[in-house]
Amino acid sequence: MKFIALLLCFFGSVLAQERDGNFDIRFEPTAVLQTGAPVPFKIDVKDDLHKPLTDAKVTLQIEMTDHSNSKVFPAPAINPGIYIAKPVFPASGEWSVSVEVRRNDQMSARTIVFNVRD
């Protein structure tokens, strides 16, 4: 009986692990990149069938390329497959901007480096 319980726990943990969502993620700022003000980023997410991905949890993370000033911003949906995040860059310089998309047990991410000026 203990063996069966252990076996069920093992398979439950294996099945609960996250898997690649194979989502197509495209994002870009819709305003001039600058410090001290919210900069809207439009995030377009499609599923593996190239249809708009709905009901996903989308976040946008910014961090300087030296891994300082890391901050995460929510990206609520504004239309099917379209999400908006509004990060505030506290300083000028090179910033890594990463978008993470999660739906059910699937996850995909993409990172682009941007140069932010004062």
PDB file of N, CA and C in Angstrom:
ATOM      1  N   MET A   1       0.821  -1.190   0.000  1.00  0.00           N
ATOM      2  CA  MET A   1       0.000   0.000   0.000  1.00  0.00           C
ATOM      3  C   MET A   1       0.872   1.264   0.000  1.00  0.00           C
ATOM      4  N   LYS A   2       1.949   1.257   0.781  1.00  0.00           N
ATOM      5  CA  LYS A   2       2.843   2.410   0.821  1.00  0.00           C
ATOM      6  C   LYS A   2       3.479   2.638  -0.551  1.00  0.00           C
ATOM      7  N   PHE A   3       3.808   1.533  -1.230  1.00  0.00           N
ATOM      8  CA  PHE A   3       4.414   1.648  -2.545  1.00  0.00           C
ATOM      9  C   PHE A   3       3.470   2.332  -3.521  1.00  0.00           C
ATOM     10  N   ILE A   4       2.200   1.980  -3.487  1.00  0.00           N
ATOM     11  CA  ILE A   4       1.219   2.583  -4.387  1.00  0.00           C
ATOM     12  C   ILE A   4       1.077   4.067  -4.089  1.00  0.00           C
ATOM     13  N   ALA A   5       1.033   4.433  -2.816  1.00  0.00           N
ATOM     14  CA  ALA A   5       0.925   5.857  -2.445  1.00  0.00           C
ATOM     15  C   ALA A   5       2.150   6.623  -2.919  1.00  0.00           C
ATOM     16  N   LEU A   6       3.328   6.033  -2.749  1.00  0.00           N
ATOM     17  CA  LEU A   6       4.560   6.675  -3.202  1.00  0.00           C
ATOM     18  C   LEU A   6       4.566   6.824  -4.720  1.00  0.00           C
ATOM     19  N   LEU A   7       4.122   5.814  -5.414  1.00  0.00           N
ATOM     20  CA  LEU A   7       4.048   5.840  -6.867  1.00  0.00           C
ATOM     21  C   LEU A   7       3.076   6.924  -7.347  1.00  0.00           C
ATOM     22  N   LEU A   8       1.926   7.046  -6.704  1.00  0.00           N
ATOM     23  CA  LEU A   8       0.956   8.084  -7.060  1.00  0.00           C
ATOM     24  C   LEU A   8       1.520   9.476  -6.810  1.00  0.00           C
ATOM     25  N   CYS A   9       2.242   9.658  -5.716  1.00  0.00           N
ATOM     26  CA  CYS A   9       2.869  10.954  -5.438  1.00  0.00           C
ATOM     27  C   CYS A   9       3.901  11.300  -6.502  1.00  0.00           C
ATOM     28  N   PHE A  10       4.698  10.321  -6.906  1.00  0.00           N
ATOM     29  CA  PHE A  10       5.708  10.537  -7.930  1.00  0.00           C
ATOM     30  C   PHE A  10       5.075  10.969  -9.241  1.00  0.00           C
ATOM     31  N   PHE A  11       4.057  10.233  -9.701  1.00  0.00           N
ATOM     32  CA  PHE A  11       3.410  10.576 -10.972  1.00  0.00           C
ATOM     33  C   PHE A  11       2.668  11.904 -10.880  1.00  0.00           C
ATOM     34  N   GLY A  12       2.112  12.211  -9.726  1.00  0.00           N
ATOM     35  CA  GLY A  12       1.446  13.502  -9.541  1.00  0.00           C
ATOM     36  C   GLY A  12       2.423  14.649  -9.666  1.00  0.00           C
ATOM     37  N   SER A  13       3.622  14.495  -9.103  1.00  0.00           N
ATOM     38  CA  SER A  13       4.609  15.572  -9.199  1.00  0.00           C
ATOM     39  C   SER A  13       5.157  15.693 -10.616  1.00  0.00           C
ATOM     40  N   VAL A  14       5.293  14.591 -11.325  1.00  0.00           N
ATOM     41  CA  VAL A  14       5.773  14.631 -12.709  1.00  0.00           C
ATOM     42  C   VAL A  14       4.743  15.311 -13.603  1.00  0.00           C
ATOM     43  N   LEU A  15       3.488  14.972 -13.423  1.00  0.00           N
ATOM     44  CA  LEU A  15       2.440  15.548 -14.262  1.00  0.00           C
ATOM     45  C   LEU A  15       2.187  17.013 -13.941  1.00  0.00           C
ATOM     46  N   ALA A  16       2.468  17.442 -12.713  1.00  0.00           N
ATOM     47  CA  ALA A  16       2.214  18.826 -12.309  1.00  0.00           C
ATOM     48  C   ALA A  16       3.307  19.781 -12.775  1.00  0.00           C
ATOM     49  N   GLN A  17       4.381  19.265 -13.307  1.00  0.00           N
ATOM     50  CA  GLN A  17       5.471  20.138 -13.743  1.00  0.00           C
ATOM     51  C   GLN A  17       5.053  20.958 -14.953  1.00  0.00           C
ATOM     52  N   GLU A  18       5.643  22.124 -15.027  1.00  0.00           N
ATOM     53  CA  GLU A  18       5.365  23.043 -16.117  1.00  0.00           C
ATOM     54  C   GLU A  18       5.992  22.528 -17.410  1.00  0.00           C
ATOM     55  N   ARG A  19       5.323  22.824 -18.522  1.00  0.00           N
ATOM     56  CA  ARG A  19       5.878  22.436 -19.816  1.00  0.00           C
ATOM     57  C   ARG A  19       5.875  23.638 -20.737  1.00  0.00           C
ATOM     58  N   ASP A  20       6.678  23.564 -21.781  1.00  0.00           N
ATOM     59  CA  ASP A  20       6.813  24.668 -22.725  1.00  0.00           C
ATOM     60  C   ASP A  20       5.485  24.905 -23.430  1.00  0.00           C
ATOM     61  N   GLY A  21       5.062  26.170 -23.424  1.00  0.00           N
ATOM     62  CA  GLY A  21       3.798  26.514 -24.060  1.00  0.00           C
ATOM     63  C   GLY A  21       3.903  26.703 -25.555  1.00  0.00           C
ATOM     64  N   ASN A  22       5.112  26.880 -26.055  1.00  0.00           N
ATOM     65  CA  ASN A  22       5.311  27.119 -27.484  1.00  0.00           C
ATOM     66  C   ASN A  22       4.481  28.307 -27.966  1.00  0.00           C
ATOM     67  N   PHE A  23       4.357  29.332 -27.095  1.00  0.00           N
ATOM     68  CA  PHE A  23       3.606  30.533 -27.452  1.00  0.00           C
ATOM     69  C   PHE A  23       4.493  31.469 -28.264  1.00  0.00           C
ATOM     70  N   ASP A  24       3.898  32.138 -29.221  1.00  0.00           N
ATOM     71  CA  ASP A  24       4.591  33.149 -30.016  1.00  0.00           C
ATOM     72  C   ASP A  24       4.387  34.481 -29.299  1.00  0.00           C
ATOM     73  N   ILE A  25       5.481  35.075 -28.793  1.00  0.00           N
ATOM     74  CA  ILE A  25       5.424  36.306 -28.010  1.00  0.00           C
ATOM     75  C   ILE A  25       6.135  37.408 -28.781  1.00  0.00           C
ATOM     76  N   ARG A  26       5.412  38.494 -29.021  1.00  0.00           N
ATOM     77  CA  ARG A  26       6.003  39.677 -29.655  1.00  0.00           C
ATOM     78  C   ARG A  26       5.623  40.881 -28.808  1.00  0.00           C
ATOM     79  N   PHE A  27       6.610  41.753 -28.548  1.00  0.00           N
ATOM     80  CA  PHE A  27       6.306  42.938 -27.755  1.00  0.00           C
ATOM     81  C   PHE A  27       7.191  44.096 -28.157  1.00  0.00           C
ATOM     82  N   GLU A  28       6.645  45.308 -27.941  1.00  0.00           N
ATOM     83  CA  GLU A  28       7.384  46.530 -28.257  1.00  0.00           C
ATOM     84  C   GLU A  28       6.771  47.688 -27.484  1.00  0.00           C
ATOM     85  N   PRO A  29       7.596  48.704 -27.202  1.00  0.00           N
ATOM     86  CA  PRO A  29       7.042  49.894 -26.551  1.00  0.00           C
ATOM     87  C   PRO A  29       6.177  50.666 -27.544  1.00  0.00           C
ATOM     88  N   THR A  30       5.117  51.287 -27.037  1.00  0.00           N
ATOM     89  CA  THR A  30       4.250  52.080 -27.905  1.00  0.00           C
ATOM     90  C   THR A  30       4.463  53.579 -27.671  1.00  0.00           C
ATOM     91  N   ALA A  31       5.483  53.919 -26.899  1.00  0.00           N
ATOM     92  CA  ALA A  31       5.860  55.308 -26.647  1.00  0.00           C
ATOM     93  C   ALA A  31       7.387  55.360 -26.577  1.00  0.00           C
ATOM     94  N   VAL A  32       7.917  56.559 -26.526  1.00  0.00           N
ATOM     95  CA  VAL A  32       9.369  56.740 -26.440  1.00  0.00           C
ATOM     96  C   VAL A  32       9.866  56.167 -25.115  1.00  0.00           C
ATOM     97  N   LEU A  33      10.938  55.378 -25.183  1.00  0.00           N
ATOM     98  CA  LEU A  33      11.539  54.847 -23.961  1.00  0.00           C
ATOM     99  C   LEU A  33      12.213  55.982 -23.214  1.00  0.00           C
ATOM    100  N   GLN A  34      11.800  56.185 -21.964  1.00  0.00           N
ATOM    101  CA  GLN A  34      12.362  57.256 -21.148  1.00  0.00           C
ATOM    102  C   GLN A  34      12.310  56.849 -19.682  1.00  0.00           C
ATOM    103  N   THR A  35      13.019  57.570 -18.862  1.00  0.00           N
ATOM    104  CA  THR A  35      13.040  57.281 -17.432  1.00  0.00           C
ATOM    105  C   THR A  35      11.930  58.041 -16.714  1.00  0.00           C
ATOM    106  N   GLY A  36      11.504  57.473 -15.584  1.00  0.00           N
ATOM    107  CA  GLY A  36      10.595  58.160 -14.687  1.00  0.00           C
ATOM    108  C   GLY A  36       9.142  58.240 -15.089  1.00  0.00           C
ATOM    109  N   ALA A  37       8.740  57.624 -16.178  1.00  0.00           N
ATOM    110  CA  ALA A  37       7.344  57.666 -16.630  1.00  0.00           C
ATOM    111  C   ALA A  37       6.920  56.282 -17.103  1.00  0.00           C
ATOM    112  N   PRO A  38       5.647  55.927 -16.903  1.00  0.00           N
ATOM    113  CA  PRO A  38       5.185  54.630 -17.417  1.00  0.00           C
ATOM    114  C   PRO A  38       5.299  54.578 -18.941  1.00  0.00           C
ATOM    115  N   VAL A  39       5.895  53.510 -19.442  1.00  0.00           N
ATOM    116  CA  VAL A  39       6.055  53.320 -20.891  1.00  0.00           C
ATOM    117  C   VAL A  39       5.225  52.099 -21.292  1.00  0.00           C
ATOM    118  N   PRO A  40       4.129  52.300 -22.014  1.00  0.00           N
ATOM    119  CA  PRO A  40       3.296  51.155 -22.398  1.00  0.00           C
ATOM    120  C   PRO A  40       4.032  50.222 -23.374  1.00  0.00           C
ATOM    121  N   PHE A  41       3.958  48.933 -23.082  1.00  0.00           N
ATOM    122  CA  PHE A  41       4.461  47.896 -23.977  1.00  0.00           C
ATOM    123  C   PHE A  41       3.272  47.067 -24.432  1.00  0.00           C
ATOM    124  N   LYS A  42       3.082  46.979 -25.734  1.00  0.00           N
ATOM    125  CA  LYS A  42       2.044  46.118 -26.305  1.00  0.00           C
ATOM    126  C   LYS A  42       2.642  44.722 -26.456  1.00  0.00           C
ATOM    127  N   ILE A  43       1.945  43.739 -25.915  1.00  0.00           N
ATOM    128  CA  ILE A  43       2.412  42.353 -25.952  1.00  0.00           C
ATOM    129  C   ILE A  43       1.380  41.534 -26.723  1.00  0.00           C
ATOM    130  N   ASP A  44       1.809  40.940 -27.819  1.00  0.00           N
ATOM    131  CA  ASP A  44       0.943  40.139 -28.679  1.00  0.00           C
ATOM    132  C   ASP A  44       1.336  38.673 -28.490  1.00  0.00           C
ATOM    133  N   VAL A  45       0.376  37.852 -28.055  1.00  0.00           N
ATOM    134  CA  VAL A  45       0.676  36.446 -27.766  1.00  0.00           C
ATOM    135  C   VAL A  45      -0.262  35.552 -28.570  1.00  0.00           C
ATOM    136  N   LYS A  46       0.338  34.596 -29.274  1.00  0.00           N
ATOM    137  CA  LYS A  46      -0.437  33.624 -30.042  1.00  0.00           C
ATOM    138  C   LYS A  46      -0.082  32.216 -29.561  1.00  0.00           C
ATOM    139  N   ASP A  47      -1.035  31.316 -29.679  1.00  0.00           N
ATOM    140  CA  ASP A  47      -0.784  29.928 -29.291  1.00  0.00           C
ATOM    141  C   ASP A  47      -0.042  29.202 -30.415  1.00  0.00           C
ATOM    142  N   ASP A  48       0.162  27.907 -30.233  1.00  0.00           N
ATOM    143  CA  ASP A  48       0.926  27.158 -31.232  1.00  0.00           C
ATOM    144  C   ASP A  48       0.163  26.963 -32.546  1.00  0.00           C
ATOM    145  N   LEU A  49      -1.131  27.329 -32.576  1.00  0.00           N
ATOM    146  CA  LEU A  49      -1.915  27.292 -33.811  1.00  0.00           C
ATOM    147  C   LEU A  49      -2.028  28.680 -34.437  1.00  0.00           C
ATOM    148  N   HIS A  50      -1.259  29.646 -33.904  1.00  0.00           N
ATOM    149  CA  HIS A  50      -1.204  31.033 -34.373  1.00  0.00           C
ATOM    150  C   HIS A  50      -2.514  31.792 -34.158  1.00  0.00           C
ATOM    151  N   LYS A  51      -3.244  31.389 -33.105  1.00  0.00           N
ATOM    152  CA  LYS A  51      -4.468  32.084 -32.723  1.00  0.00           C
ATOM    153  C   LYS A  51      -4.188  32.900 -31.465  1.00  0.00           C
ATOM    154  N   PRO A  52      -4.897  34.023 -31.263  1.00  0.00           N
ATOM    155  CA  PRO A  52      -4.667  34.840 -30.063  1.00  0.00           C
ATOM    156  C   PRO A  52      -4.828  34.010 -28.789  1.00  0.00           C
ATOM    157  N   LEU A  53      -3.861  34.149 -27.899  1.00  0.00           N
ATOM    158  CA  LEU A  53      -3.885  33.402 -26.636  1.00  0.00           C
ATOM    159  C   LEU A  53      -4.683  34.189 -25.605  1.00  0.00           C
ATOM    160  N   THR A  54      -5.763  33.594 -25.144  1.00  0.00           N
ATOM    161  CA  THR A  54      -6.612  34.236 -24.139  1.00  0.00           C
ATOM    162  C   THR A  54      -6.439  33.545 -22.794  1.00  0.00           C
ATOM    163  N   ASP A  55      -6.920  34.189 -21.761  1.00  0.00           N
ATOM    164  CA  ASP A  55      -6.909  33.635 -20.402  1.00  0.00           C
ATOM    165  C   ASP A  55      -5.512  33.255 -19.925  1.00  0.00           C
ATOM    166  N   ALA A  56      -4.537  34.061 -20.250  1.00  0.00           N
ATOM    167  CA  ALA A  56      -3.168  33.806 -19.814  1.00  0.00           C
ATOM    168  C   ALA A  56      -2.771  34.810 -18.733  1.00  0.00           C
ATOM    169  N   LYS A  57      -1.794  34.432 -17.928  1.00  0.00           N
ATOM    170  CA  LYS A  57      -1.198  35.369 -16.980  1.00  0.00           C
ATOM    171  C   LYS A  57       0.094  35.855 -17.630  1.00  0.00           C
ATOM    172  N   VAL A  58       0.155  37.159 -17.901  1.00  0.00           N
ATOM    173  CA  VAL A  58       1.298  37.735 -18.595  1.00  0.00           C
ATOM    174  C   VAL A  58       1.956  38.758 -17.685  1.00  0.00           C
ATOM    175  N   THR A  59       3.273  38.671 -17.563  1.00  0.00           N
ATOM    176  CA  THR A  59       4.038  39.653 -16.796  1.00  0.00           C
ATOM    177  C   THR A  59       5.210  40.139 -17.630  1.00  0.00           C
ATOM    178  N   LEU A  60       5.634  41.364 -17.331  1.00  0.00           N
ATOM    179  CA  LEU A  60       6.788  41.957 -17.985  1.00  0.00           C
ATOM    180  C   LEU A  60       7.781  42.323 -16.889  1.00  0.00           C
ATOM    181  N   GLN A  61       9.015  41.876 -17.035  1.00  0.00           N
ATOM    182  CA  GLN A  61      10.058  42.164 -16.046  1.00  0.00           C
ATOM    183  C   GLN A  61      11.139  43.014 -16.688  1.00  0.00           C
ATOM    184  N   ILE A  62      11.563  44.046 -15.961  1.00  0.00           N
ATOM    185  CA  ILE A  62      12.691  44.855 -16.429  1.00  0.00           C
ATOM    186  C   ILE A  62      13.844  44.671 -15.459  1.00  0.00           C
ATOM    187  N   GLU A  63      15.057  44.710 -15.996  1.00  0.00           N
ATOM    188  CA  GLU A  63      16.256  44.699 -15.161  1.00  0.00           C
ATOM    189  C   GLU A  63      17.414  45.211 -15.997  1.00  0.00           C
ATOM    190  N   MET A  64      18.302  45.941 -15.345  1.00  0.00           N
ATOM    191  CA  MET A  64      19.477  46.434 -16.062  1.00  0.00           C
ATOM    192  C   MET A  64      20.338  45.237 -16.454  1.00  0.00           C
ATOM    193  N   THR A  65      21.157  45.403 -17.459  1.00  0.00           N
ATOM    194  CA  THR A  65      21.955  44.274 -17.941  1.00  0.00           C
ATOM    195  C   THR A  65      22.950  43.770 -16.905  1.00  0.00           C
ATOM    196  N   ASP A  66      23.228  44.556 -15.848  1.00  0.00           N
ATOM    197  CA  ASP A  66      24.082  44.070 -14.753  1.00  0.00           C
ATOM    198  C   ASP A  66      23.252  43.383 -13.660  1.00  0.00           C
ATOM    199  N   HIS A  67      21.970  43.103 -13.962  1.00  0.00           N
ATOM    200  CA  HIS A  67      21.020  42.399 -13.089  1.00  0.00           C
ATOM    201  C   HIS A  67      20.566  43.223 -11.887  1.00  0.00           C
ATOM    202  N   SER A  68      20.720  44.544 -11.934  1.00  0.00           N
ATOM    203  CA  SER A  68      20.211  45.392 -10.857  1.00  0.00           C
ATOM    204  C   SER A  68      18.857  45.983 -11.268  1.00  0.00           C
ATOM    205  N   ASN A  69      18.166  46.571 -10.323  1.00  0.00           N
ATOM    206  CA  ASN A  69      16.885  47.257 -10.544  1.00  0.00           C
ATOM    207  C   ASN A  69      15.819  46.364 -11.168  1.00  0.00           C
ATOM    208  N   SER A  70      15.752  45.123 -10.750  1.00  0.00           N
ATOM    209  CA  SER A  70      14.761  44.194 -11.290  1.00  0.00           C
ATOM    210  C   SER A  70      13.373  44.497 -10.725  1.00  0.00           C
ATOM    211  N   LYS A  71      12.383  44.514 -11.610  1.00  0.00           N
ATOM    212  CA  LYS A  71      11.012  44.782 -11.187  1.00  0.00           C
ATOM    213  C   LYS A  71      10.054  44.098 -12.158  1.00  0.00           C
ATOM    214  N   VAL A  72       8.951  43.570 -11.620  1.00  0.00           N
ATOM    215  CA  VAL A  72       7.956  42.866 -12.440  1.00  0.00           C
ATOM    216  C   VAL A  72       6.669  43.685 -12.490  1.00  0.00           C
ATOM    217  N   PHE A  73       6.067  43.756 -13.688  1.00  0.00           N
ATOM    218  CA  PHE A  73       4.840  44.507 -13.902  1.00  0.00           C
ATOM    219  C   PHE A  73       3.779  43.576 -14.490  1.00  0.00           C
ATOM    220  N   PRO A  74       2.540  43.658 -13.995  1.00  0.00           N
ATOM    221  CA  PRO A  74       1.472  42.840 -14.595  1.00  0.00           C
ATOM    222  C   PRO A  74       1.123  43.370 -15.976  1.00  0.00           C
ATOM    223  N   ALA A  75       0.599  42.485 -16.808  1.00  0.00           N
ATOM    224  CA  ALA A  75       0.175  42.875 -18.160  1.00  0.00           C
ATOM    225  C   ALA A  75      -1.239  42.343 -18.385  1.00  0.00           C
ATOM    226  N   PRO A  76      -2.239  43.141 -18.025  1.00  0.00           N
ATOM    227  CA  PRO A  76      -3.614  42.680 -18.234  1.00  0.00           C
ATOM    228  C   PRO A  76      -3.985  42.656 -19.716  1.00  0.00           C
ATOM    229  N   ALA A  77      -4.954  41.817 -20.036  1.00  0.00           N
ATOM    230  CA  ALA A  77      -5.439  41.713 -21.419  1.00  0.00           C
ATOM    231  C   ALA A  77      -6.308  42.923 -21.750  1.00  0.00           C
ATOM    232  N   ILE A  78      -6.129  43.447 -22.972  1.00  0.00           N
ATOM    233  CA  ILE A  78      -7.007  44.524 -23.438  1.00  0.00           C
ATOM    234  C   ILE A  78      -7.876  44.061 -24.605  1.00  0.00           C
ATOM    235  N   ASN A  79      -7.455  43.013 -25.268  1.00  0.00           N
ATOM    236  CA  ASN A  79      -8.186  42.350 -26.353  1.00  0.00           C
ATOM    237  C   ASN A  79      -7.709  40.900 -26.370  1.00  0.00           C
ATOM    238  N   PRO A  80      -8.399  40.003 -27.079  1.00  0.00           N
ATOM    239  CA  PRO A  80      -7.919  38.619 -27.148  1.00  0.00           C
ATOM    240  C   PRO A  80      -6.484  38.550 -27.692  1.00  0.00           C
ATOM    241  N   GLY A  81      -5.581  38.016 -26.903  1.00  0.00           N
ATOM    242  CA  GLY A  81      -4.191  37.861 -27.310  1.00  0.00           C
ATOM    243  C   GLY A  81      -3.343  39.114 -27.205  1.00  0.00           C
ATOM    244  N   ILE A  82      -3.921  40.241 -26.775  1.00  0.00           N
ATOM    245  CA  ILE A  82      -3.181  41.504 -26.651  1.00  0.00           C
ATOM    246  C   ILE A  82      -3.163  41.917 -25.177  1.00  0.00           C
ATOM    247  N   TYR A  83      -1.967  42.132 -24.672  1.00  0.00           N
ATOM    248  CA  TYR A  83      -1.764  42.497 -23.273  1.00  0.00           C
ATOM    249  C   TYR A  83      -0.940  43.787 -23.231  1.00  0.00           C
ATOM    250  N   ILE A  84      -1.111  44.570 -22.162  1.00  0.00           N
ATOM    251  CA  ILE A  84      -0.377  45.828 -22.002  1.00  0.00           C
ATOM    252  C   ILE A  84       0.276  45.861 -20.624  1.00  0.00           C
ATOM    253  N   ALA A  85       1.564  46.179 -20.601  1.00  0.00           N
ATOM    254  CA  ALA A  85       2.290  46.417 -19.343  1.00  0.00           C
ATOM    255  C   ALA A  85       2.857  47.826 -19.419  1.00  0.00           C
ATOM    256  N   LYS A  86       2.984  48.468 -18.257  1.00  0.00           N
ATOM    257  CA  LYS A  86       3.487  49.841 -18.224  1.00  0.00           C
ATOM    258  C   LYS A  86       4.637  49.967 -17.222  1.00  0.00           C
ATOM    259  N   PRO A  87       5.816  49.482 -17.605  1.00  0.00           N
ATOM    260  CA  PRO A  87       6.962  49.597 -16.687  1.00  0.00           C
ATOM    261  C   PRO A  87       7.452  51.037 -16.574  1.00  0.00           C
ATOM    262  N   VAL A  88       8.078  51.318 -15.442  1.00  0.00           N
ATOM    263  CA  VAL A  88       8.733  52.609 -15.222  1.00  0.00           C
ATOM    264  C   VAL A  88      10.221  52.327 -15.060  1.00  0.00           C
ATOM    265  N   PHE A  89      11.020  52.877 -15.939  1.00  0.00           N
ATOM    266  CA  PHE A  89      12.475  52.694 -15.886  1.00  0.00           C
ATOM    267  C   PHE A  89      13.060  53.789 -14.986  1.00  0.00           C
ATOM    268  N   PRO A  90      13.713  53.416 -13.872  1.00  0.00           N
ATOM    269  CA  PRO A  90      14.225  54.419 -12.942  1.00  0.00           C
ATOM    270  C   PRO A  90      15.530  55.080 -13.375  1.00  0.00           C
ATOM    271  N   ALA A  91      16.211  54.510 -14.359  1.00  0.00           N
ATOM    272  CA  ALA A  91      17.506  55.067 -14.776  1.00  0.00           C
ATOM    273  C   ALA A  91      17.726  54.796 -16.257  1.00  0.00           C
ATOM    274  N   SER A  92      18.572  55.599 -16.865  1.00  0.00           N
ATOM    275  CA  SER A  92      18.904  55.370 -18.269  1.00  0.00           C
ATOM    276  C   SER A  92      19.934  54.249 -18.371  1.00  0.00           C
ATOM    277  N   GLY A  93      20.048  53.675 -19.565  1.00  0.00           N
ATOM    278  CA  GLY A  93      21.014  52.610 -19.798  1.00  0.00           C
ATOM    279  C   GLY A  93      20.387  51.457 -20.549  1.00  0.00           C
ATOM    280  N   GLU A  94      21.120  50.344 -20.611  1.00  0.00           N
ATOM    281  CA  GLU A  94      20.623  49.144 -21.279  1.00  0.00           C
ATOM    282  C   GLU A  94      19.790  48.321 -20.299  1.00  0.00           C
ATOM    283  N   TRP A  95      18.591  47.956 -20.739  1.00  0.00           N
ATOM    284  CA  TRP A  95      17.656  47.204 -19.915  1.00  0.00           C
ATOM    285  C   TRP A  95      17.241  45.930 -20.630  1.00  0.00           C
ATOM    286  N   SER A  96      17.226  44.825 -19.901  1.00  0.00           N
ATOM    287  CA  SER A  96      16.640  43.588 -20.401  1.00  0.00           C
ATOM    288  C   SER A  96      15.162  43.622 -20.061  1.00  0.00           C
ATOM    289  N   VAL A  97      14.330  43.433 -21.066  1.00  0.00           N
ATOM    290  CA  VAL A  97      12.886  43.399 -20.863  1.00  0.00           C
ATOM    291  C   VAL A  97      12.435  41.987 -21.212  1.00  0.00           C
ATOM    292  N   SER A  98      11.839  41.316 -20.229  1.00  0.00           N
ATOM    293  CA  SER A  98      11.402  39.930 -20.408  1.00  0.00           C
ATOM    294  C   SER A  98       9.901  39.826 -20.229  1.00  0.00           C
ATOM    295  N   VAL A  99       9.274  39.083 -21.115  1.00  0.00           N
ATOM    296  CA  VAL A  99       7.846  38.807 -20.994  1.00  0.00           C
ATOM    297  C   VAL A  99       7.684  37.316 -20.722  1.00  0.00           C
ATOM    298  N   GLU A 100       6.878  37.020 -19.713  1.00  0.00           N
ATOM    299  CA  GLU A 100       6.582  35.633 -19.368  1.00  0.00           C
ATOM    300  C   GLU A 100       5.084  35.415 -19.505  1.00  0.00           C
ATOM    301  N   VAL A 101       4.706  34.338 -20.199  1.00  0.00           N
ATOM    302  CA  VAL A 101       3.304  34.015 -20.430  1.00  0.00           C
ATOM    303  C   VAL A 101       3.036  32.636 -19.844  1.00  0.00           C
ATOM    304  N   ARG A 102       1.995  32.565 -18.992  1.00  0.00           N
ATOM    305  CA  ARG A 102       1.597  31.297 -18.375  1.00  0.00           C
ATOM    306  C   ARG A 102       0.114  31.053 -18.625  1.00  0.00           C
ATOM    307  N   ARG A 103      -0.182  29.834 -19.013  1.00  0.00           N
ATOM    308  CA  ARG A 103      -1.584  29.407 -19.103  1.00  0.00           C
ATOM    309  C   ARG A 103      -1.638  27.934 -18.734  1.00  0.00           C
ATOM    310  N   ASN A 104      -2.466  27.640 -17.748  1.00  0.00           N
ATOM    311  CA  ASN A 104      -2.563  26.293 -17.193  1.00  0.00           C
ATOM    312  C   ASN A 104      -1.168  25.827 -16.770  1.00  0.00           C
ATOM    313  N   ASP A 105      -0.686  24.720 -17.300  1.00  0.00           N
ATOM    314  CA  ASP A 105       0.642  24.224 -16.924  1.00  0.00           C
ATOM    315  C   ASP A 105       1.693  24.553 -17.980  1.00  0.00           C
ATOM    316  N   GLN A 106       1.394  25.504 -18.870  1.00  0.00           N
ATOM    317  CA  GLN A 106       2.322  25.865 -19.942  1.00  0.00           C
ATOM    318  C   GLN A 106       2.931  27.240 -19.682  1.00  0.00           C
ATOM    319  N   MET A 107       4.185  27.411 -20.122  1.00  0.00           N
ATOM    320  CA  MET A 107       4.879  28.684 -19.940  1.00  0.00           C
ATOM    321  C   MET A 107       5.834  28.910 -21.089  1.00  0.00           C
ATOM    322  N   SER A 108       5.893  30.171 -21.557  1.00  0.00           N
ATOM    323  CA  SER A 108       6.878  30.605 -22.551  1.00  0.00           C
ATOM    324  C   SER A 108       7.368  31.988 -22.151  1.00  0.00           C
ATOM    325  N   ALA A 109       8.586  32.329 -22.577  1.00  0.00           N
ATOM    326  CA  ALA A 109       9.160  33.636 -22.246  1.00  0.00           C
ATOM    327  C   ALA A 109      10.020  34.125 -23.397  1.00  0.00           C
ATOM    328  N   ARG A 110      10.209  35.450 -23.423  1.00  0.00           N
ATOM    329  CA  ARG A 110      11.075  36.069 -24.429  1.00  0.00           C
ATOM    330  C   ARG A 110      11.712  37.302 -23.802  1.00  0.00           C
ATOM    331  N   THR A 111      12.979  37.566 -24.152  1.00  0.00           N
ATOM    332  CA  THR A 111      13.709  38.719 -23.614  1.00  0.00           C
ATOM    333  C   THR A 111      14.322  39.512 -24.759  1.00  0.00           C
ATOM    334  N   ILE A 112      14.215  40.857 -24.650  1.00  0.00           N
ATOM    335  CA  ILE A 112      14.829  41.779 -25.614  1.00  0.00           C
ATOM    336  C   ILE A 112      15.530  42.866 -24.816  1.00  0.00           C
ATOM    337  N   VAL A 113      16.694  43.313 -25.276  1.00  0.00           N
ATOM    338  CA  VAL A 113      17.437  44.398 -24.624  1.00  0.00           C
ATOM    339  C   VAL A 113      17.090  45.720 -25.316  1.00  0.00           C
ATOM    340  N   PHE A 114      16.772  46.722 -24.500  1.00  0.00           N
ATOM    341  CA  PHE A 114      16.432  48.059 -24.987  1.00  0.00           C
ATOM    342  C   PHE A 114      17.366  49.073 -24.353  1.00  0.00           C
ATOM    343  N   ASN A 115      17.610  50.171 -25.060  1.00  0.00           N
ATOM    344  CA  ASN A 115      18.398  51.283 -24.527  1.00  0.00           C
ATOM    345  C   ASN A 115      17.428  52.390 -24.119  1.00  0.00           C
ATOM    346  N   VAL A 116      17.441  52.741 -22.837  1.00  0.00           N
ATOM    347  CA  VAL A 116      16.537  53.768 -22.302  1.00  0.00           C
ATOM    348  C   VAL A 116      17.345  55.030 -22.037  1.00  0.00           C
ATOM    349  N   ARG A 117      16.799  56.151 -22.484  1.00  0.00           N
ATOM    350  CA  ARG A 117      17.475  57.447 -22.289  1.00  0.00           C
ATOM    351  C   ARG A 117      16.685  58.291 -21.315  1.00  0.00           C
ATOM    352  N   ASP A 118      17.371  59.317 -20.776  1.00  0.00           N
ATOM    353  CA  ASP A 118      16.698  60.272 -19.866  1.00  0.00           C
ATOM    354  C   ASP A 118      15.657  61.062 -20.602  1.00  0.00           C
TER     355      ASP A 118
END
